[in-house]
Amino acid sequence: MAKNKETDAPQKTSTRKSLFDNNKFVFVLSLVFAIALWITISPERSKTIQDITVNINTENTAPGNLGLDVISGQGQTVSVEVTGKWYVISELTQDDIAINYSLSDVTEAGTHEVQLTASKNSTLTDYEITRITPSSLVIGFDRVTSKQFKVVPDAQELVDHCAEGLFIDNGRVFVEQAFSNVEITGSATIIENIASVSASVEVDTSAADFEPLTHMTSYTTPLKLYDAQGSLMYYTRDGQLYDTEDQPVDASTLSLSFWEVEVTVPVYKTEVLTITPEFENVPDYYLTNPIDYKLSKSTIKVNRSIGTPEDLENFDATKAATIGPIDFTTIGENYQETFDIVFSDNSITPVDDDTKVTITIAGLSSTQVDVSNFRAVNGSTAITTRLVTTTKTVTVVGPSDVIEDINGEYLYLEYDLSTLSANASGNVVISATLKSDQYKTIWGYGNYDLQITVTRNS
């Protein structure tokens, strides 16, 4: 009789049953179904997207065709409210929203209310735009122009605050040449009303640490804009333009090429300088015994700028005001000539407009004498020279009592061979100076040339 065979193989169970018995699988599957259900039945929500910048472009618009541009209100921000599924609107940013406007009603310069609308600006479109706040902006339109204005420096507040004996001339306060003119760009209507620009030094002279000015000083100074009636329109501070109500002015309304300047305030001292004539080609005698002369005026009142504290003490007044130089070879009998006074440096400014001085040298006589004595000085072994000129008629000038008894035998013409050019050769013209070992107080009037021949020694 056959017997049933028992098997040790386990019974097979279905895959589906084993997966649903897996808690992790069931959890994940439930989560997926929950998300799908949430997406399907999710309620609509609202979101406000803030700080969306509005930039108005006038190109190819009614105001643009009139030559108008935005001069105020540019760069304002608005907020846009949107409604939709949260998983959509939560992703929205300012870049997903476009702000639209129409400028068709802007037909003249001035302030206009521009209506705004918002539209979708990305691939995210499953939402609705419900509101834009504000729905309009106040925008200023005008022609944009540029104009240069002279910067007028001013230090009136400091005029009475110098050390004793010193003063400030407000008319001589200055700014650097590069900042003498400021360019203002912006609203043509506003710029047409600007009449002047000043840089007024503002210093609290009542402060405990303020010290009276003793020398030239510079101050960093803001600018002020005035109308034709002298009323303040705008002023600068810390790189920004402000109106008279201390409100900042939009850069598109007005902008300046610079916001402040260095104003230099010179400090002066009044002095009386002695006028001194200067001479050249002076005979040896007159180097230690100056010739007598008379000046139409011997002194001049000046204002001297004190650049540093040391300038008060370290000043040589003896050569500060001169005339000339006067060449002795141009001084004849009845000599008189007028010169402009020359000041030693540009820190000196004459108080009077008349800076001409006439010098007169009297008591002189002149006579013509034939000179046949010649002397060469500063010769060189590199050359050999021979004098061609044998006699020269000269005009001798000197004190009348000397000229009356002058004897040509005691006169000679001296020529300096060191003045020859390095390659001088052949017939050469050389200048000569009238001299005398006998008559120390005479000189030659005019210039005298001699003919010599020069041979180069091999």
Protein backbone atom coordinates (compact mmCIF):
# COMPACT_ATOMS: atom_id res chain seq x y z
CA MET A 1 0.00 0.00 0.00
CA ALA A 2 1.40 3.31 -1.01
CA LYS A 3 2.18 5.91 1.63
CA ASN A 4 1.88 9.70 1.33
CA LYS A 5 5.28 11.42 1.23
CA GLU A 6 5.83 14.39 3.44
CA THR A 7 7.90 17.31 2.10
CA ASP A 8 10.02 19.78 4.07
CA ALA A 9 9.63 22.64 1.43
CA PRO A 10 7.91 25.81 2.84
CA GLN A 11 4.68 26.97 1.32
CA LYS A 12 4.91 29.95 -1.09
CA THR A 13 3.08 33.23 -0.21
CA SER A 14 2.16 35.95 -2.71
CA THR A 15 4.44 38.99 -3.25
CA ARG A 16 1.56 41.42 -2.80
CA LYS A 17 0.76 40.03 0.59
CA SER A 18 4.37 40.22 1.74
CA LEU A 19 4.74 43.93 0.55
CA PHE A 20 1.65 45.07 2.39
CA ASP A 21 2.89 43.29 5.43
CA ASN A 22 6.00 45.56 5.21
CA ASN A 23 5.43 48.58 7.43
CA LYS A 24 7.99 50.77 5.69
CA PHE A 25 6.45 50.13 2.30
CA VAL A 26 2.99 50.90 3.61
CA PHE A 27 4.27 54.17 5.18
CA VAL A 28 5.90 55.42 1.97
CA LEU A 29 2.88 54.46 -0.13
CA SER A 30 0.56 56.25 2.28
CA LEU A 31 2.73 59.36 2.15
CA VAL A 32 2.66 59.44 -1.63
CA PHE A 33 -1.13 59.07 -1.69
CA ALA A 34 -1.43 61.80 0.98
CA ILE A 35 0.70 64.26 -1.00
CA ALA A 36 -1.25 63.54 -4.18
CA LEU A 37 -4.50 64.05 -2.34
CA TRP A 38 -3.17 67.30 -0.75
CA ILE A 39 -2.18 68.65 -4.13
CA THR A 40 -5.56 67.76 -5.55
CA ILE A 41 -7.69 69.30 -2.85
CA SER A 42 -5.20 72.01 -1.55
CA PRO A 43 -7.05 75.31 -0.98
CA GLU A 44 -5.86 78.52 -2.69
CA ARG A 45 -3.83 80.94 -0.65
CA SER A 46 -2.56 84.52 -1.00
CA LYS A 47 0.96 85.91 -0.86
CA THR A 48 2.35 89.43 -1.08
CA ILE A 49 5.57 89.89 -3.03
CA GLN A 50 7.20 93.05 -1.73
CA ASP A 51 9.90 95.51 -2.81
CA ILE A 52 9.48 95.17 -6.57
CA THR A 53 11.49 98.06 -8.06
CA VAL A 54 9.79 100.15 -10.75
CA ASN A 55 12.14 101.65 -13.36
CA ILE A 56 10.49 103.98 -15.86
CA ASN A 57 11.96 103.93 -19.37
CA THR A 58 10.95 106.81 -21.64
CA GLU A 59 12.50 105.42 -24.82
CA ASN A 60 9.95 105.31 -27.67
CA THR A 61 7.24 106.81 -25.44
CA ALA A 62 5.25 110.05 -25.59
CA PRO A 63 7.55 111.92 -23.15
CA GLY A 64 10.63 110.39 -24.74
CA ASN A 65 9.58 111.74 -28.14
CA LEU A 66 9.32 115.19 -26.53
CA GLY A 67 12.86 114.94 -25.19
CA LEU A 68 11.66 114.36 -21.64
CA ASP A 69 13.21 111.98 -19.16
CA VAL A 70 12.51 110.90 -15.59
CA ILE A 71 13.95 113.41 -13.14
CA SER A 72 12.24 112.22 -9.94
CA GLY A 73 10.44 109.15 -8.64
CA GLN A 74 12.65 106.63 -10.40
CA GLY A 75 13.36 103.39 -8.53
CA GLN A 76 10.31 103.36 -6.25
CA THR A 77 9.01 99.98 -5.06
CA VAL A 78 5.58 98.35 -5.06
CA SER A 79 4.00 95.20 -3.61
CA VAL A 80 1.98 92.66 -5.60
CA GLU A 81 -0.56 90.27 -4.06
CA VAL A 82 -1.05 86.90 -5.78
CA THR A 83 -3.47 84.01 -5.20
CA GLY A 84 -3.00 80.35 -6.06
CA LYS A 85 -1.94 76.96 -4.85
CA TRP A 86 0.61 77.38 -2.13
CA TYR A 87 3.10 75.07 -3.75
CA VAL A 88 3.07 77.49 -6.73
CA ILE A 89 2.99 80.91 -5.15
CA SER A 90 5.53 79.98 -2.51
CA GLU A 91 8.11 79.81 -5.29
CA LEU A 92 7.38 83.30 -6.66
CA THR A 93 9.92 86.14 -6.29
CA GLN A 94 10.19 89.73 -7.56
CA ASP A 95 11.71 88.44 -10.81
CA ASP A 96 8.49 86.52 -11.63
CA ILE A 97 6.42 89.71 -11.71
CA ALA A 98 6.55 92.41 -14.40
CA ILE A 99 5.35 95.95 -13.61
CA ASN A 100 3.72 97.67 -16.57
CA TYR A 101 2.88 101.33 -17.08
CA SER A 102 1.62 103.68 -19.77
CA LEU A 103 3.14 107.10 -20.42
CA SER A 104 0.75 108.13 -23.18
CA ASP A 105 -0.76 110.88 -21.01
CA VAL A 106 2.63 112.48 -20.29
CA THR A 107 2.68 115.26 -22.86
CA GLU A 108 4.61 117.95 -21.01
CA ALA A 109 7.28 118.44 -18.37
CA GLY A 110 6.16 118.26 -14.77
CA THR A 111 4.89 115.80 -12.19
CA HIS A 112 2.50 113.09 -13.40
CA GLU A 113 0.62 110.20 -11.81
CA VAL A 114 1.55 107.03 -13.68
CA GLN A 115 -0.87 104.08 -13.42
CA LEU A 116 0.65 100.64 -12.86
CA THR A 117 -0.38 97.08 -13.65
CA ALA A 118 1.33 93.78 -12.92
CA SER A 119 1.74 90.71 -15.12
CA LYS A 120 3.32 87.27 -14.95
CA ASN A 121 6.95 87.18 -16.03
CA SER A 122 8.07 83.53 -15.78
CA THR A 123 7.10 79.91 -16.53
CA LEU A 124 5.14 79.81 -13.26
CA THR A 125 1.66 80.80 -14.41
CA ASP A 126 -0.82 78.78 -12.31
CA TYR A 127 -1.79 81.71 -10.09
CA GLU A 128 -3.66 85.02 -10.25
CA ILE A 129 -2.44 88.58 -9.61
CA THR A 130 -5.05 90.20 -7.41
CA ARG A 131 -3.60 93.54 -6.38
CA ILE A 132 -0.69 95.97 -6.84
CA THR A 133 0.09 98.48 -4.11
CA PRO A 134 0.39 101.33 -4.77
CA SER A 135 -1.44 101.21 -8.07
CA SER A 136 0.16 104.44 -9.28
CA LEU A 137 3.35 106.41 -8.75
CA VAL A 138 4.12 110.11 -8.88
CA ILE A 139 6.89 110.59 -11.44
CA GLY A 140 8.62 113.83 -12.48
CA PHE A 141 9.49 114.41 -16.13
CA ASP A 142 11.66 117.11 -17.66
CA ARG A 143 14.40 117.73 -20.16
CA VAL A 144 17.78 116.65 -18.79
CA THR A 145 20.59 119.14 -19.34
CA SER A 146 24.03 120.00 -18.01
CA LYS A 147 25.53 123.37 -17.18
CA GLN A 148 28.82 124.59 -15.75
CA PHE A 149 28.79 126.99 -12.80
CA LYS A 150 31.74 128.89 -11.35
CA VAL A 151 32.41 127.93 -7.74
CA VAL A 152 32.67 131.12 -5.69
CA PRO A 153 34.75 130.51 -2.52
CA ASP A 154 33.90 132.46 0.61
CA ALA A 155 35.51 132.76 4.04
CA GLN A 156 33.64 135.72 5.46
CA GLU A 157 33.19 133.94 8.80
CA LEU A 158 36.97 133.98 9.33
CA VAL A 159 37.70 137.57 8.31
CA ASP A 160 37.80 138.85 11.88
CA HIS A 161 39.62 135.86 13.32
CA CYS A 162 43.32 136.30 12.51
CA ALA A 163 46.27 136.72 14.82
CA GLU A 164 47.29 140.30 15.63
CA GLY A 165 48.80 142.18 12.70
CA LEU A 166 47.41 139.74 10.13
CA PHE A 167 44.26 139.82 8.02
CA ILE A 168 42.18 137.90 5.48
CA ASP A 169 41.12 139.35 2.13
CA ASN A 170 37.92 137.45 1.31
CA GLY A 171 38.31 138.45 -2.34
CA ARG A 172 41.52 136.39 -2.55
CA VAL A 173 40.14 133.15 -1.12
CA PHE A 174 40.48 130.48 -3.81
CA VAL A 175 39.91 126.88 -4.90
CA GLU A 176 42.12 124.74 -7.11
CA GLN A 177 41.74 125.39 -10.84
CA ALA A 178 40.43 121.84 -11.41
CA PHE A 179 37.50 122.60 -9.08
CA SER A 180 36.81 126.18 -10.13
CA ASN A 181 33.74 125.07 -12.09
CA VAL A 182 31.13 122.47 -11.15
CA GLU A 183 28.95 120.71 -13.71
CA ILE A 184 25.32 120.25 -12.67
CA THR A 185 23.21 117.71 -14.56
CA GLY A 186 19.47 117.13 -14.25
CA SER A 187 16.14 118.91 -14.59
CA ALA A 188 16.42 121.76 -17.08
CA THR A 189 13.68 123.69 -15.24
CA ILE A 190 15.61 123.58 -11.96
CA ILE A 191 18.99 124.29 -13.54
CA GLU A 192 17.57 127.36 -15.29
CA ASN A 193 16.76 128.80 -11.85
CA ILE A 194 20.25 128.23 -10.41
CA ALA A 195 22.16 131.51 -10.50
CA SER A 196 25.31 130.78 -8.48
CA VAL A 197 27.25 128.15 -6.57
CA SER A 198 29.32 129.00 -3.53
CA ALA A 199 31.71 127.18 -1.23
CA SER A 200 31.41 128.95 2.10
CA VAL A 201 33.82 127.97 4.84
CA GLU A 202 31.92 127.18 8.02
CA VAL A 203 34.01 127.14 11.21
CA ASP A 204 32.82 127.42 14.77
CA THR A 205 35.00 130.32 15.84
CA SER A 206 33.43 130.24 19.31
CA ALA A 207 34.69 126.71 20.00
CA ALA A 208 37.17 126.36 22.84
CA ASP A 209 39.80 124.77 20.59
CA PHE A 210 39.58 127.41 17.83
CA GLU A 211 42.76 129.42 17.36
CA PRO A 212 43.08 132.63 15.31
CA LEU A 213 44.65 132.06 11.91
CA THR A 214 48.38 132.71 11.64
CA HIS A 215 49.01 131.40 8.13
CA MET A 216 47.32 130.12 4.96
CA THR A 217 44.83 127.35 5.76
CA SER A 218 42.63 125.06 3.64
CA TYR A 219 39.16 123.80 4.53
CA THR A 220 37.06 121.01 3.00
CA THR A 221 33.88 122.86 2.14
CA PRO A 222 30.43 121.73 0.86
CA LEU A 223 28.61 123.54 -1.95
CA LYS A 224 25.53 125.75 -1.85
CA LEU A 225 23.25 126.51 -4.81
CA TYR A 226 21.43 129.87 -4.96
CA ASP A 227 18.77 131.43 -7.18
CA ALA A 228 18.93 134.88 -8.77
CA GLN A 229 17.48 136.48 -5.62
CA GLY A 230 20.25 134.99 -3.50
CA SER A 231 17.97 132.47 -1.81
CA LEU A 232 19.39 129.07 -0.96
CA MET A 233 17.98 126.29 -3.16
CA TYR A 234 20.13 123.27 -2.36
CA TYR A 235 23.24 122.33 -0.39
CA THR A 236 25.59 119.36 -0.25
CA ARG A 237 26.59 117.26 2.72
CA ASP A 238 28.53 113.99 2.86
CA GLY A 239 28.28 113.40 -0.91
CA GLN A 240 24.52 114.04 -1.09
CA LEU A 241 22.42 116.97 -2.30
CA TYR A 242 19.68 118.30 0.00
CA ASP A 243 16.87 120.81 -0.43
CA THR A 244 16.05 123.60 2.01
CA GLU A 245 13.82 121.23 3.99
CA ASP A 246 16.81 118.94 4.58
CA GLN A 247 15.37 116.27 2.29
CA PRO A 248 17.79 114.37 -0.01
CA VAL A 249 17.43 115.17 -3.69
CA ASP A 250 17.15 112.31 -6.16
CA ALA A 251 20.31 111.98 -8.27
CA SER A 252 18.15 111.87 -11.40
CA THR A 253 16.75 115.28 -10.44
CA LEU A 254 20.12 116.95 -9.92
CA SER A 255 23.66 115.62 -9.71
CA LEU A 256 26.96 117.45 -9.34
CA SER A 257 30.37 116.60 -10.77
CA PHE A 258 31.73 116.96 -7.22
CA TRP A 259 30.18 117.60 -3.81
CA GLU A 260 32.87 119.53 -1.93
CA VAL A 261 36.04 121.51 -2.58
CA GLU A 262 39.18 122.57 -0.76
CA VAL A 263 38.87 126.29 -0.06
CA THR A 264 42.23 127.92 0.65
CA VAL A 265 42.20 131.00 2.85
CA PRO A 266 45.35 133.15 2.51
CA VAL A 267 46.48 135.15 5.52
CA TYR A 268 48.29 138.43 4.85
CA LYS A 269 50.59 140.85 6.58
CA THR A 270 50.93 144.45 5.39
CA GLU A 271 54.53 145.62 5.03
CA VAL A 272 56.45 148.52 3.52
CA LEU A 273 59.32 147.32 1.30
CA THR A 274 62.36 149.32 0.20
CA ILE A 275 62.79 149.38 -3.57
CA THR A 276 66.31 148.41 -4.62
CA PRO A 277 67.81 148.78 -8.13
CA GLU A 278 69.93 145.90 -9.38
CA PHE A 279 72.92 146.45 -11.69
CA GLU A 280 74.97 144.21 -13.94
CA ASN A 281 78.35 144.57 -15.71
CA VAL A 282 79.29 146.74 -12.74
CA PRO A 283 82.84 148.21 -12.71
CA ASP A 284 84.85 146.93 -9.76
CA TYR A 285 84.86 150.31 -8.02
CA TYR A 286 81.07 150.45 -7.82
CA LEU A 287 80.81 146.98 -6.29
CA THR A 288 81.92 148.48 -2.98
CA ASN A 289 80.97 152.11 -3.66
CA PRO A 290 77.43 152.05 -5.11
CA ILE A 291 76.66 154.72 -7.67
CA ASP A 292 74.39 157.55 -6.58
CA TYR A 293 70.85 157.41 -7.94
CA LYS A 294 67.42 158.82 -7.28
CA LEU A 295 64.13 156.87 -7.43
CA SER A 296 60.71 158.36 -8.12
CA LYS A 297 59.61 156.44 -5.03
CA SER A 298 61.80 154.48 -2.66
CA THR A 299 59.23 152.28 -0.91
CA ILE A 300 56.04 150.40 -1.71
CA LYS A 301 53.28 149.07 0.54
CA VAL A 302 52.47 145.41 -0.04
CA ASN A 303 50.42 142.58 1.38
CA ARG A 304 52.51 139.48 1.94
CA SER A 305 50.86 136.07 2.08
CA ILE A 306 51.93 134.01 5.09
CA GLY A 307 52.10 130.44 3.78
CA THR A 308 53.53 128.82 6.92
CA PRO A 309 54.18 129.99 10.48
CA GLU A 310 57.89 130.23 9.63
CA ASP A 311 57.16 132.77 6.88
CA LEU A 312 56.50 135.41 9.50
CA GLU A 313 60.12 135.35 10.62
CA ASN A 314 62.11 133.96 7.69
CA PHE A 315 61.67 136.81 5.23
CA ASP A 316 64.44 138.80 3.54
CA ALA A 317 62.97 142.21 2.85
CA THR A 318 66.20 143.63 1.39
CA LYS A 319 65.67 142.01 -2.03
CA ALA A 320 61.89 141.66 -1.95
CA ALA A 321 61.21 144.62 -4.28
CA THR A 322 63.70 145.42 -7.04
CA ILE A 323 63.95 147.15 -10.40
CA GLY A 324 66.25 146.24 -13.26
CA PRO A 325 68.68 144.74 -13.81
CA ILE A 326 70.34 147.89 -15.17
CA ASP A 327 73.34 147.24 -17.39
CA PHE A 328 76.11 149.78 -16.71
CA THR A 329 76.88 149.86 -20.44
CA THR A 330 73.44 151.48 -20.96
CA ILE A 331 74.05 154.27 -18.43
CA GLY A 332 75.04 157.53 -20.11
CA GLU A 333 74.92 161.15 -19.08
CA ASN A 334 71.43 162.35 -18.04
CA TYR A 335 70.42 158.71 -17.55
CA GLN A 336 66.77 158.13 -16.70
CA GLU A 337 64.67 155.00 -17.18
CA THR A 338 61.37 153.59 -15.87
CA PHE A 339 61.00 150.01 -14.66
CA ASP A 340 58.28 147.75 -13.30
CA ILE A 341 58.94 146.65 -9.74
CA VAL A 342 59.88 142.97 -9.52
CA PHE A 343 58.85 141.15 -6.33
CA SER A 344 60.93 138.28 -4.99
CA ASP A 345 58.03 135.79 -5.03
CA ASN A 346 54.32 135.55 -5.78
CA SER A 347 53.39 135.78 -2.11
CA ILE A 348 53.76 139.57 -2.38
CA THR A 349 50.90 141.70 -3.72
CA PRO A 350 51.22 145.48 -4.04
CA VAL A 351 48.53 147.53 -2.33
CA ASP A 352 48.79 150.29 -4.94
CA ASP A 353 48.23 149.75 -8.63
CA ASP A 354 51.23 151.90 -9.55
CA THR A 355 54.23 149.58 -9.57
CA LYS A 356 56.44 151.62 -11.92
CA VAL A 357 59.58 153.37 -10.68
CA THR A 358 61.80 155.86 -12.51
CA ILE A 359 65.51 155.90 -11.71
CA THR A 360 67.70 158.93 -12.43
CA ILE A 361 71.50 159.01 -12.26
CA ALA A 362 72.86 162.56 -12.38
CA GLY A 363 76.31 164.15 -12.30
CA LEU A 364 77.66 162.15 -15.23
CA SER A 365 79.44 163.27 -18.38
CA SER A 366 80.66 161.45 -21.46
CA THR A 367 83.25 161.87 -24.15
CA GLN A 368 84.55 159.93 -27.13
CA VAL A 369 88.11 158.64 -27.05
CA ASP A 370 90.20 156.55 -29.46
CA VAL A 371 91.56 153.50 -27.64
CA SER A 372 94.54 151.62 -28.98
CA ASN A 373 95.39 149.54 -25.94
CA PHE A 374 93.97 145.99 -25.79
CA ARG A 375 94.33 143.15 -23.29
CA ALA A 376 93.36 139.49 -23.67
CA VAL A 377 92.49 137.41 -20.61
CA ASN A 378 91.87 133.70 -20.03
CA GLY A 379 93.93 132.47 -22.96
CA SER A 380 94.44 128.79 -23.79
CA THR A 381 97.39 126.76 -24.99
CA ALA A 382 95.05 125.12 -27.49
CA ILE A 383 94.81 128.27 -29.60
CA THR A 384 96.92 131.17 -30.81
CA THR A 385 95.17 134.51 -31.37
CA ARG A 386 96.12 137.70 -33.18
CA LEU A 387 94.31 141.00 -32.77
CA VAL A 388 93.23 142.52 -36.08
CA THR A 389 91.58 145.67 -34.67
CA THR A 390 94.17 148.38 -33.96
CA THR A 391 92.07 151.30 -32.79
CA LYS A 392 88.51 151.62 -31.41
CA THR A 393 86.52 154.77 -30.77
CA VAL A 394 84.64 154.44 -27.48
CA THR A 395 82.23 156.57 -25.45
CA VAL A 396 83.54 156.99 -21.92
CA VAL A 397 81.07 157.76 -19.12
CA GLY A 398 81.83 158.79 -15.55
CA PRO A 399 81.76 161.61 -13.01
CA SER A 400 82.02 164.99 -14.75
CA ASP A 401 85.27 165.97 -13.01
CA VAL A 402 86.93 162.72 -14.18
CA ILE A 403 85.70 162.85 -17.77
CA GLU A 404 86.87 166.47 -18.08
CA ASP A 405 90.52 165.41 -17.84
CA ILE A 406 90.31 161.91 -19.37
CA ASN A 407 93.39 160.67 -21.22
CA GLY A 408 92.93 157.82 -23.71
CA GLU A 409 96.40 156.50 -23.05
CA TYR A 410 95.18 155.19 -19.69
CA LEU A 411 92.24 153.29 -21.21
CA TYR A 412 92.19 149.78 -22.64
CA LEU A 413 89.69 147.29 -24.05
CA GLU A 414 89.72 143.88 -22.41
CA TYR A 415 88.48 140.77 -24.23
CA ASP A 416 87.94 137.37 -22.70
CA LEU A 417 89.15 134.42 -24.77
CA SER A 418 87.22 131.93 -22.63
CA THR A 419 84.04 133.21 -24.31
CA LEU A 420 85.13 131.74 -27.66
CA SER A 421 83.31 128.65 -28.87
CA ALA A 422 85.18 125.35 -28.54
CA ASN A 423 85.79 125.09 -32.30
CA ALA A 424 86.45 128.78 -32.99
CA SER A 425 88.94 129.27 -35.82
CA GLY A 426 89.87 131.89 -38.37
CA ASN A 427 88.48 135.42 -38.26
CA VAL A 428 86.31 135.85 -35.14
CA VAL A 429 84.40 138.76 -33.60
CA ILE A 430 84.75 139.05 -29.81
CA SER A 431 83.20 141.49 -27.32
CA ALA A 432 85.39 143.82 -25.27
CA THR A 433 84.92 145.86 -22.08
CA LEU A 434 86.39 149.33 -21.49
CA LYS A 435 88.65 149.47 -18.42
CA SER A 436 91.33 151.65 -16.86
CA ASP A 437 93.95 151.20 -14.17
CA GLN A 438 94.04 154.96 -13.74
CA TYR A 439 90.36 155.92 -13.82
CA LYS A 440 88.44 153.57 -11.49
CA THR A 441 85.09 155.36 -11.78
CA ILE A 442 84.59 155.27 -15.57
CA TRP A 443 82.95 152.73 -17.89
CA GLY A 444 82.20 152.34 -21.56
CA TYR A 445 78.79 153.24 -22.94
CA GLY A 446 77.52 150.69 -25.45
CA ASN A 447 79.02 147.47 -26.80
CA TYR A 448 82.36 147.09 -28.53
CA ASP A 449 83.45 144.27 -30.83
CA LEU A 450 87.00 143.45 -31.86
CA GLN A 451 88.29 141.41 -34.79
CA ILE A 452 90.76 138.63 -33.98
CA THR A 453 92.12 135.61 -35.80
CA VAL A 454 92.18 132.22 -34.06
CA THR A 455 94.57 129.41 -34.95
CA ARG A 456 94.11 125.96 -33.47
CA ASN A 457 97.41 124.59 -32.12
CA SER A 458 98.13 121.00 -33.17
